[in-house]
Amino acid sequence: MYLSLGLGGLESGCQRRDGEACEVLGDYYSGQHDKSVRDPVKDKKYYDSACSAGQKKACNAPVSKGPPPPPAGPSAKGPPPPPPPRKPPPTPPN
């Protein structure tokens, strides 16, 4: 919850040409804090916005390369295996 609030606030600041907010978003999406959120398209976008807003360091920031890593968790592994077949109930004696 707090992460989405923070990212939303930074996004809002970046849209208002706050270069520092854009640079922080570039750092976040470059995977500096968490490699699982790396997004080369977003980090370039935010670094470019930060540079345009006067953040000199963002102009030379290394942009991540390659696709983002696959998501972690159960959905990343595919669907769960089917349950084992059930044994039929025993037949009653006559």
PDB file of N, CA and C in Angstrom:
ATOM      1  N   MET A   1       0.815  -1.183   0.000  1.00  0.00           N
ATOM      2  CA  MET A   1       0.000   0.000   0.000  1.00  0.00           C
ATOM      3  C   MET A   1       0.869   1.262   0.000  1.00  0.00           C
ATOM      4  N   TYR A   2       1.873   1.299   0.859  1.00  0.00           N
ATOM      5  CA  TYR A   2       2.716   2.487   0.946  1.00  0.00           C
ATOM      6  C   TYR A   2       3.545   2.675  -0.316  1.00  0.00           C
ATOM      7  N   LEU A   3       3.954   1.570  -0.915  1.00  0.00           N
ATOM      8  CA  LEU A   3       4.731   1.672  -2.146  1.00  0.00           C
ATOM      9  C   LEU A   3       3.902   2.326  -3.241  1.00  0.00           C
ATOM     10  N   SER A   4       2.656   1.900  -3.398  1.00  0.00           N
ATOM     11  CA  SER A   4       1.818   2.489  -4.449  1.00  0.00           C
ATOM     12  C   SER A   4       1.528   3.961  -4.161  1.00  0.00           C
ATOM     13  N   LEU A   5       1.355   4.315  -2.887  1.00  0.00           N
ATOM     14  CA  LEU A   5       1.155   5.725  -2.542  1.00  0.00           C
ATOM     15  C   LEU A   5       2.397   6.553  -2.881  1.00  0.00           C
ATOM     16  N   GLY A   6       3.551   6.010  -2.535  1.00  0.00           N
ATOM     17  CA  GLY A   6       4.805   6.718  -2.816  1.00  0.00           C
ATOM     18  C   GLY A   6       5.057   6.882  -4.298  1.00  0.00           C
ATOM     19  N   LEU A   7       4.843   5.799  -5.047  1.00  0.00           N
ATOM     20  CA  LEU A   7       5.047   5.878  -6.490  1.00  0.00           C
ATOM     21  C   LEU A   7       4.051   6.845  -7.124  1.00  0.00           C
ATOM     22  N   GLY A   8       2.821   6.840  -6.629  1.00  0.00           N
ATOM     23  CA  GLY A   8       1.819   7.773  -7.148  1.00  0.00           C
ATOM     24  C   GLY A   8       2.209   9.220  -6.903  1.00  0.00           C
ATOM     25  N   GLY A   9       2.728   9.490  -5.718  1.00  0.00           N
ATOM     26  CA  GLY A   9       3.179  10.846  -5.409  1.00  0.00           C
ATOM     27  C   GLY A   9       4.351  11.268  -6.271  1.00  0.00           C
ATOM     28  N   LEU A  10       5.287  10.357  -6.492  1.00  0.00           N
ATOM     29  CA  LEU A  10       6.426  10.664  -7.348  1.00  0.00           C
ATOM     30  C   LEU A  10       5.974  10.881  -8.793  1.00  0.00           C
ATOM     31  N   GLU A  11       5.052  10.051  -9.250  1.00  0.00           N
ATOM     32  CA  GLU A  11       4.514  10.194 -10.613  1.00  0.00           C
ATOM     33  C   GLU A  11       3.863  11.561 -10.781  1.00  0.00           C
ATOM     34  N   SER A  12       3.088  11.953  -9.788  1.00  0.00           N
ATOM     35  CA  SER A  12       2.424  13.252  -9.828  1.00  0.00           C
ATOM     36  C   SER A  12       3.456  14.384  -9.874  1.00  0.00           C
ATOM     37  N   GLY A  13       4.486  14.262  -9.059  1.00  0.00           N
ATOM     38  CA  GLY A  13       5.542  15.269  -9.057  1.00  0.00           C
ATOM     39  C   GLY A  13       6.281  15.324 -10.378  1.00  0.00           C
ATOM     40  N   CYS A  14       6.538  14.180 -10.937  1.00  0.00           N
ATOM     41  CA  CYS A  14       7.246  14.129 -12.222  1.00  0.00           C
ATOM     42  C   CYS A  14       6.406  14.774 -13.322  1.00  0.00           C
ATOM     43  N   GLN A  15       5.109  14.546 -13.289  1.00  0.00           N
ATOM     44  CA  GLN A  15       4.229  15.165 -14.288  1.00  0.00           C
ATOM     45  C   GLN A  15       4.228  16.691 -14.167  1.00  0.00           C
ATOM     46  N   ARG A  16       4.541  17.196 -12.971  1.00  0.00           N
ATOM     47  CA  ARG A  16       4.633  18.649 -12.753  1.00  0.00           C
ATOM     48  C   ARG A  16       6.063  19.160 -12.974  1.00  0.00           C
ATOM     49  N   ARG A  17       6.869  18.341 -13.640  1.00  0.00           N
ATOM     50  CA  ARG A  17       8.261  18.675 -13.994  1.00  0.00           C
ATOM     51  C   ARG A  17       9.173  18.806 -12.775  1.00  0.00           C
ATOM     52  N   ASP A  18       8.922  18.009 -11.741  1.00  0.00           N
ATOM     53  CA  ASP A  18       9.827  17.927 -10.594  1.00  0.00           C
ATOM     54  C   ASP A  18      10.904  16.915 -10.978  1.00  0.00           C
ATOM     55  N   GLY A  19      12.059  17.425 -11.354  1.00  0.00           N
ATOM     56  CA  GLY A  19      13.130  16.574 -11.855  1.00  0.00           C
ATOM     57  C   GLY A  19      13.599  15.535 -10.862  1.00  0.00           C
ATOM     58  N   GLU A  20      13.616  15.892  -9.598  1.00  0.00           N
ATOM     59  CA  GLU A  20      14.064  14.932  -8.586  1.00  0.00           C
ATOM     60  C   GLU A  20      13.103  13.757  -8.486  1.00  0.00           C
ATOM     61  N   ALA A  21      11.798  14.030  -8.560  1.00  0.00           N
ATOM     62  CA  ALA A  21      10.806  12.952  -8.520  1.00  0.00           C
ATOM     63  C   ALA A  21      10.989  12.035  -9.728  1.00  0.00           C
ATOM     64  N   CYS A  22      11.233  12.615 -10.887  1.00  0.00           N
ATOM     65  CA  CYS A  22      11.449  11.812 -12.095  1.00  0.00           C
ATOM     66  C   CYS A  22      12.701  10.947 -11.958  1.00  0.00           C
ATOM     67  N   GLU A  23      13.756  11.518 -11.392  1.00  0.00           N
ATOM     68  CA  GLU A  23      15.000  10.771 -11.225  1.00  0.00           C
ATOM     69  C   GLU A  23      14.819   9.599 -10.260  1.00  0.00           C
ATOM     70  N   VAL A  24      14.093   9.826  -9.178  1.00  0.00           N
ATOM     71  CA  VAL A  24      13.838   8.739  -8.223  1.00  0.00           C
ATOM     72  C   VAL A  24      13.056   7.616  -8.906  1.00  0.00           C
ATOM     73  N   LEU A  25      12.081   7.968  -9.731  1.00  0.00           N
ATOM     74  CA  LEU A  25      11.332   6.949 -10.471  1.00  0.00           C
ATOM     75  C   LEU A  25      12.242   6.224 -11.459  1.00  0.00           C
ATOM     76  N   GLY A  26      13.140   6.944 -12.097  1.00  0.00           N
ATOM     77  CA  GLY A  26      14.112   6.302 -12.992  1.00  0.00           C
ATOM     78  C   GLY A  26      14.982   5.313 -12.233  1.00  0.00           C
ATOM     79  N   ASP A  27      15.436   5.715 -11.050  1.00  0.00           N
ATOM     80  CA  ASP A  27      16.238   4.812 -10.214  1.00  0.00           C
ATOM     81  C   ASP A  27      15.425   3.570  -9.835  1.00  0.00           C
ATOM     82  N   TYR A  28      14.159   3.786  -9.471  1.00  0.00           N
ATOM     83  CA  TYR A  28      13.306   2.664  -9.064  1.00  0.00           C
ATOM     84  C   TYR A  28      13.123   1.679 -10.216  1.00  0.00           C
ATOM     85  N   TYR A  29      12.761   2.193 -11.392  1.00  0.00           N
ATOM     86  CA  TYR A  29      12.491   1.300 -12.517  1.00  0.00           C
ATOM     87  C   TYR A  29      13.756   0.774 -13.191  1.00  0.00           C
ATOM     88  N   SER A  30      14.920   1.305 -12.818  1.00  0.00           N
ATOM     89  CA  SER A  30      16.155   0.721 -13.340  1.00  0.00           C
ATOM     90  C   SER A  30      16.571  -0.495 -12.511  1.00  0.00           C
ATOM     91  N   GLY A  31      15.846  -0.740 -11.424  1.00  0.00           N
ATOM     92  CA  GLY A  31      16.123  -1.907 -10.595  1.00  0.00           C
ATOM     93  C   GLY A  31      17.155  -1.655  -9.511  1.00  0.00           C
ATOM     94  N   GLN A  32      17.466  -0.411  -9.226  1.00  0.00           N
ATOM     95  CA  GLN A  32      18.474  -0.124  -8.205  1.00  0.00           C
ATOM     96  C   GLN A  32      18.040  -0.564  -6.817  1.00  0.00           C
ATOM     97  N   HIS A  33      16.753  -0.571  -6.574  1.00  0.00           N
ATOM     98  CA  HIS A  33      16.253  -0.922  -5.243  1.00  0.00           C
ATOM     99  C   HIS A  33      15.669  -2.330  -5.202  1.00  0.00           C
ATOM    100  N   ASP A  34      15.150  -2.787  -6.332  1.00  0.00           N
ATOM    101  CA  ASP A  34      14.524  -4.103  -6.408  1.00  0.00           C
ATOM    102  C   ASP A  34      14.579  -4.560  -7.864  1.00  0.00           C
ATOM    103  N   LYS A  35      15.432  -5.533  -8.141  1.00  0.00           N
ATOM    104  CA  LYS A  35      15.640  -5.982  -9.521  1.00  0.00           C
ATOM    105  C   LYS A  35      14.366  -6.521 -10.171  1.00  0.00           C
ATOM    106  N   SER A  36      13.405  -6.974  -9.378  1.00  0.00           N
ATOM    107  CA  SER A  36      12.192  -7.565  -9.950  1.00  0.00           C
ATOM    108  C   SER A  36      11.278  -6.526 -10.589  1.00  0.00           C
ATOM    109  N   VAL A  37      11.503  -5.230 -10.335  1.00  0.00           N
ATOM    110  CA  VAL A  37      10.652  -4.203 -10.925  1.00  0.00           C
ATOM    111  C   VAL A  37      11.336  -3.493 -12.090  1.00  0.00           C
ATOM    112  N   ARG A  38      12.484  -3.991 -12.496  1.00  0.00           N
ATOM    113  CA  ARG A  38      13.234  -3.349 -13.578  1.00  0.00           C
ATOM    114  C   ARG A  38      12.376  -3.248 -14.837  1.00  0.00           C
ATOM    115  N   ASP A  39      12.345  -2.060 -15.420  1.00  0.00           N
ATOM    116  CA  ASP A  39      11.583  -1.823 -16.639  1.00  0.00           C
ATOM    117  C   ASP A  39      12.361  -0.817 -17.487  1.00  0.00           C
ATOM    118  N   PRO A  40      13.090  -1.293 -18.509  1.00  0.00           N
ATOM    119  CA  PRO A  40      13.937  -0.407 -19.307  1.00  0.00           C
ATOM    120  C   PRO A  40      13.184   0.731 -20.002  1.00  0.00           C
ATOM    121  N   VAL A  41      11.954   0.512 -20.370  1.00  0.00           N
ATOM    122  CA  VAL A  41      11.189   1.561 -21.049  1.00  0.00           C
ATOM    123  C   VAL A  41      10.860   2.680 -20.058  1.00  0.00           C
ATOM    124  N   LYS A  42      10.399   2.301 -18.868  1.00  0.00           N
ATOM    125  CA  LYS A  42      10.041   3.313 -17.872  1.00  0.00           C
ATOM    126  C   LYS A  42      11.266   4.036 -17.330  1.00  0.00           C
ATOM    127  N   ASP A  43      12.359   3.302 -17.072  1.00  0.00           N
ATOM    128  CA  ASP A  43      13.503   4.016 -16.499  1.00  0.00           C
ATOM    129  C   ASP A  43      14.041   5.050 -17.482  1.00  0.00           C
ATOM    130  N   LYS A  44      14.071   4.720 -18.765  1.00  0.00           N
ATOM    131  CA  LYS A  44      14.530   5.699 -19.763  1.00  0.00           C
ATOM    132  C   LYS A  44      13.603   6.904 -19.806  1.00  0.00           C
ATOM    133  N   LYS A  45      12.306   6.649 -19.783  1.00  0.00           N
ATOM    134  CA  LYS A  45      11.311   7.740 -19.819  1.00  0.00           C
ATOM    135  C   LYS A  45      11.512   8.690 -18.638  1.00  0.00           C
ATOM    136  N   TYR A  46      11.658   8.121 -17.440  1.00  0.00           N
ATOM    137  CA  TYR A  46      11.790   8.972 -16.255  1.00  0.00           C
ATOM    138  C   TYR A  46      13.145   9.673 -16.196  1.00  0.00           C
ATOM    139  N   TYR A  47      14.217   8.992 -16.602  1.00  0.00           N
ATOM    140  CA  TYR A  47      15.517   9.656 -16.640  1.00  0.00           C
ATOM    141  C   TYR A  47      15.520  10.790 -17.666  1.00  0.00           C
ATOM    142  N   ASP A  48      14.895  10.570 -18.815  1.00  0.00           N
ATOM    143  CA  ASP A  48      14.814  11.638 -19.819  1.00  0.00           C
ATOM    144  C   ASP A  48      14.035  12.834 -19.282  1.00  0.00           C
ATOM    145  N   SER A  49      12.932  12.565 -18.578  1.00  0.00           N
ATOM    146  CA  SER A  49      12.140  13.654 -17.992  1.00  0.00           C
ATOM    147  C   SER A  49      12.947  14.397 -16.927  1.00  0.00           C
ATOM    148  N   ALA A  50      13.684  13.653 -16.121  1.00  0.00           N
ATOM    149  CA  ALA A  50      14.502  14.277 -15.074  1.00  0.00           C
ATOM    150  C   ALA A  50      15.593  15.139 -15.693  1.00  0.00           C
ATOM    151  N   CYS A  51      16.208  14.637 -16.745  1.00  0.00           N
ATOM    152  CA  CYS A  51      17.262  15.392 -17.431  1.00  0.00           C
ATOM    153  C   CYS A  51      16.686  16.680 -18.014  1.00  0.00           C
ATOM    154  N   SER A  52      15.517  16.580 -18.652  1.00  0.00           N
ATOM    155  CA  SER A  52      14.861  17.763 -19.232  1.00  0.00           C
ATOM    156  C   SER A  52      14.504  18.788 -18.166  1.00  0.00           C
ATOM    157  N   ALA A  53      14.255  18.307 -16.945  1.00  0.00           N
ATOM    158  CA  ALA A  53      13.889  19.202 -15.845  1.00  0.00           C
ATOM    159  C   ALA A  53      15.114  19.745 -15.108  1.00  0.00           C
ATOM    160  N   GLY A  54      16.317  19.409 -15.588  1.00  0.00           N
ATOM    161  CA  GLY A  54      17.524  19.994 -15.009  1.00  0.00           C
ATOM    162  C   GLY A  54      18.320  19.103 -14.075  1.00  0.00           C
ATOM    163  N   GLN A  55      17.942  17.845 -13.916  1.00  0.00           N
ATOM    164  CA  GLN A  55      18.708  16.924 -13.063  1.00  0.00           C
ATOM    165  C   GLN A  55      19.887  16.384 -13.883  1.00  0.00           C
ATOM    166  N   LYS A  56      21.056  16.988 -13.707  1.00  0.00           N
ATOM    167  CA  LYS A  56      22.234  16.642 -14.517  1.00  0.00           C
ATOM    168  C   LYS A  56      22.633  15.174 -14.370  1.00  0.00           C
ATOM    169  N   LYS A  57      22.539  14.641 -13.142  1.00  0.00           N
ATOM    170  CA  LYS A  57      22.936  13.254 -12.907  1.00  0.00           C
ATOM    171  C   LYS A  57      22.072  12.289 -13.725  1.00  0.00           C
ATOM    172  N   ALA A  58      20.803  12.629 -13.903  1.00  0.00           N
ATOM    173  CA  ALA A  58      19.890  11.760 -14.649  1.00  0.00           C
ATOM    174  C   ALA A  58      20.251  11.710 -16.132  1.00  0.00           C
ATOM    175  N   CYS A  59      20.905  12.744 -16.623  1.00  0.00           N
ATOM    176  CA  CYS A  59      21.286  12.774 -18.041  1.00  0.00           C
ATOM    177  C   CYS A  59      22.301  11.690 -18.368  1.00  0.00           C
ATOM    178  N   ASN A  60      23.076  11.279 -17.376  1.00  0.00           N
ATOM    179  CA  ASN A  60      24.114  10.267 -17.584  1.00  0.00           C
ATOM    180  C   ASN A  60      23.798   8.952 -16.890  1.00  0.00           C
ATOM    181  N   ALA A  61      22.587   8.803 -16.410  1.00  0.00           N
ATOM    182  CA  ALA A  61      22.216   7.580 -15.672  1.00  0.00           C
ATOM    183  C   ALA A  61      22.225   6.386 -16.616  1.00  0.00           C
ATOM    184  N   PRO A  62      22.762   5.266 -16.154  1.00  0.00           N
ATOM    185  CA  PRO A  62      22.742   4.067 -16.993  1.00  0.00           C
ATOM    186  C   PRO A  62      21.317   3.516 -17.082  1.00  0.00           C
ATOM    187  N   VAL A  63      20.866   3.312 -18.288  1.00  0.00           N
ATOM    188  CA  VAL A  63      19.525   2.760 -18.497  1.00  0.00           C
ATOM    189  C   VAL A  63      19.663   1.252 -18.533  1.00  0.00           C
ATOM    190  N   SER A  64      18.769   0.565 -17.823  1.00  0.00           N
ATOM    191  CA  SER A  64      18.838  -0.895 -17.793  1.00  0.00           C
ATOM    192  C   SER A  64      18.591  -1.446 -19.191  1.00  0.00           C
ATOM    193  N   LYS A  65      19.185  -2.570 -19.456  1.00  0.00           N
ATOM    194  CA  LYS A  65      19.059  -3.192 -20.766  1.00  0.00           C
ATOM    195  C   LYS A  65      18.348  -4.532 -20.639  1.00  0.00           C
ATOM    196  N   GLY A  66      17.677  -4.896 -21.679  1.00  0.00           N
ATOM    197  CA  GLY A  66      17.009  -6.191 -21.703  1.00  0.00           C
ATOM    198  C   GLY A  66      15.639  -6.127 -21.079  1.00  0.00           C
ATOM    199  N   PRO A  67      14.887  -7.181 -21.281  1.00  0.00           N
ATOM    200  CA  PRO A  67      13.526  -7.206 -20.740  1.00  0.00           C
ATOM    201  C   PRO A  67      13.542  -7.341 -19.231  1.00  0.00           C
ATOM    202  N   PRO A  68      12.475  -6.924 -18.591  1.00  0.00           N
ATOM    203  CA  PRO A  68      12.406  -7.114 -17.145  1.00  0.00           C
ATOM    204  C   PRO A  68      12.352  -8.594 -16.805  1.00  0.00           C
ATOM    205  N   PRO A  69      12.799  -8.970 -15.621  1.00  0.00           N
ATOM    206  CA  PRO A  69      12.749 -10.371 -15.246  1.00  0.00           C
ATOM    207  C   PRO A  69      11.309 -10.850 -15.152  1.00  0.00           C
ATOM    208  N   PRO A  70      11.095 -12.148 -15.319  1.00  0.00           N
ATOM    209  CA  PRO A  70       9.717 -12.653 -15.216  1.00  0.00           C
ATOM    210  C   PRO A  70       9.194 -12.462 -13.795  1.00  0.00           C
ATOM    211  N   PRO A  71       7.879 -12.314 -13.659  1.00  0.00           N
ATOM    212  CA  PRO A  71       7.321 -12.125 -12.319  1.00  0.00           C
ATOM    213  C   PRO A  71       7.533 -13.349 -11.453  1.00  0.00           C
ATOM    214  N   ALA A  72       7.687 -13.112 -10.176  1.00  0.00           N
ATOM    215  CA  ALA A  72       7.860 -14.209  -9.229  1.00  0.00           C
ATOM    216  C   ALA A  72       6.502 -14.640  -8.706  1.00  0.00           C
ATOM    217  N   GLY A  73       6.455 -15.810  -8.164  1.00  0.00           N
ATOM    218  CA  GLY A  73       5.212 -16.267  -7.555  1.00  0.00           C
ATOM    219  C   GLY A  73       4.576 -17.403  -8.321  1.00  0.00           C
ATOM    220  N   PRO A  74       3.449 -17.870  -7.840  1.00  0.00           N
ATOM    221  CA  PRO A  74       2.798 -19.031  -8.437  1.00  0.00           C
ATOM    222  C   PRO A  74       2.420 -18.835  -9.898  1.00  0.00           C
ATOM    223  N   SER A  75       1.986 -17.640 -10.287  1.00  0.00           N
ATOM    224  CA  SER A  75       1.570 -17.439 -11.674  1.00  0.00           C
ATOM    225  C   SER A  75       2.749 -17.525 -12.633  1.00  0.00           C
ATOM    226  N   ALA A  76       3.977 -17.285 -12.144  1.00  0.00           N
ATOM    227  CA  ALA A  76       5.149 -17.358 -12.998  1.00  0.00           C
ATOM    228  C   ALA A  76       5.471 -18.796 -13.382  1.00  0.00           C
ATOM    229  N   LYS A  77       5.028 -19.742 -12.610  1.00  0.00           N
ATOM    230  CA  LYS A  77       5.343 -21.146 -12.863  1.00  0.00           C
ATOM    231  C   LYS A  77       4.288 -21.831 -13.723  1.00  0.00           C
ATOM    232  N   GLY A  78       3.218 -21.170 -14.021  1.00  0.00           N
ATOM    233  CA  GLY A  78       2.148 -21.779 -14.788  1.00  0.00           C
ATOM    234  C   GLY A  78       1.078 -22.313 -13.857  1.00  0.00           C
ATOM    235  N   PRO A  79       0.089 -22.959 -14.441  1.00  0.00           N
ATOM    236  CA  PRO A  79      -1.001 -23.453 -13.604  1.00  0.00           C
ATOM    237  C   PRO A  79      -0.540 -24.597 -12.714  1.00  0.00           C
ATOM    238  N   PRO A  80      -1.216 -24.798 -11.591  1.00  0.00           N
ATOM    239  CA  PRO A  80      -0.819 -25.904 -10.708  1.00  0.00           C
ATOM    240  C   PRO A  80      -1.152 -27.238 -11.370  1.00  0.00           C
ATOM    241  N   PRO A  81      -0.449 -28.290 -10.977  1.00  0.00           N
ATOM    242  CA  PRO A  81      -0.707 -29.593 -11.579  1.00  0.00           C
ATOM    243  C   PRO A  81      -2.107 -30.082 -11.186  1.00  0.00           C
ATOM    244  N   PRO A  82      -2.692 -30.944 -12.013  1.00  0.00           N
ATOM    245  CA  PRO A  82      -4.028 -31.448 -11.675  1.00  0.00           C
ATOM    246  C   PRO A  82      -3.954 -32.346 -10.448  1.00  0.00           C
ATOM    247  N   PRO A  83      -5.046 -32.456  -9.718  1.00  0.00           N
ATOM    248  CA  PRO A  83      -5.041 -33.329  -8.537  1.00  0.00           C
ATOM    249  C   PRO A  83      -4.944 -34.795  -8.976  1.00  0.00           C
ATOM    250  N   PRO A  84      -4.433 -35.659  -8.097  1.00  0.00           N
ATOM    251  CA  PRO A  84      -4.326 -37.078  -8.467  1.00  0.00           C
ATOM    252  C   PRO A  84      -5.728 -37.672  -8.650  1.00  0.00           C
ATOM    253  N   PRO A  85      -5.856 -38.707  -9.475  1.00  0.00           N
ATOM    254  CA  PRO A  85      -7.171 -39.295  -9.689  1.00  0.00           C
ATOM    255  C   PRO A  85      -7.696 -39.926  -8.399  1.00  0.00           C
ATOM    256  N   ARG A  86      -8.999 -39.842  -8.230  1.00  0.00           N
ATOM    257  CA  ARG A  86      -9.613 -40.415  -7.037  1.00  0.00           C
ATOM    258  C   ARG A  86      -9.895 -41.908  -7.247  1.00  0.00           C
ATOM    259  N   LYS A  87      -9.780 -42.637  -6.153  1.00  0.00           N
ATOM    260  CA  LYS A  87     -10.109 -44.056  -6.215  1.00  0.00           C
ATOM    261  C   LYS A  87     -11.627 -44.199  -6.087  1.00  0.00           C
ATOM    262  N   PRO A  88     -12.236 -45.110  -6.848  1.00  0.00           N
ATOM    263  CA  PRO A  88     -13.683 -45.290  -6.698  1.00  0.00           C
ATOM    264  C   PRO A  88     -13.995 -45.855  -5.316  1.00  0.00           C
ATOM    265  N   PRO A  89     -15.173 -45.555  -4.781  1.00  0.00           N
ATOM    266  CA  PRO A  89     -15.531 -46.088  -3.467  1.00  0.00           C
ATOM    267  C   PRO A  89     -15.655 -47.611  -3.536  1.00  0.00           C
ATOM    268  N   PRO A  90     -15.371 -48.305  -2.435  1.00  0.00           N
ATOM    269  CA  PRO A  90     -15.469 -49.765  -2.460  1.00  0.00           C
ATOM    270  C   PRO A  90     -16.935 -50.187  -2.664  1.00  0.00           C
ATOM    271  N   THR A  91     -17.102 -51.286  -3.337  1.00  0.00           N
ATOM    272  CA  THR A  91     -18.461 -51.814  -3.543  1.00  0.00           C
ATOM    273  C   THR A  91     -18.902 -52.571  -2.295  1.00  0.00           C
ATOM    274  N   PRO A  92     -20.160 -52.399  -1.889  1.00  0.00           N
ATOM    275  CA  PRO A  92     -20.619 -53.078  -0.685  1.00  0.00           C
ATOM    276  C   PRO A  92     -20.748 -54.596  -0.929  1.00  0.00           C
ATOM    277  N   PRO A  93     -20.477 -55.391   0.110  1.00  0.00           N
ATOM    278  CA  PRO A  93     -20.580 -56.844  -0.070  1.00  0.00           C
ATOM    279  C   PRO A  93     -22.059 -57.251  -0.227  1.00  0.00           C
ATOM    280  N   ASN A  94     -22.309 -58.343  -0.924  1.00  0.00           N
ATOM    281  CA  ASN A  94     -23.679 -58.850  -1.115  1.00  0.00           C
ATOM    282  C   ASN A  94     -24.106 -59.719  -0.012  1.00  0.00           C
TER     283      ASN A  94
END
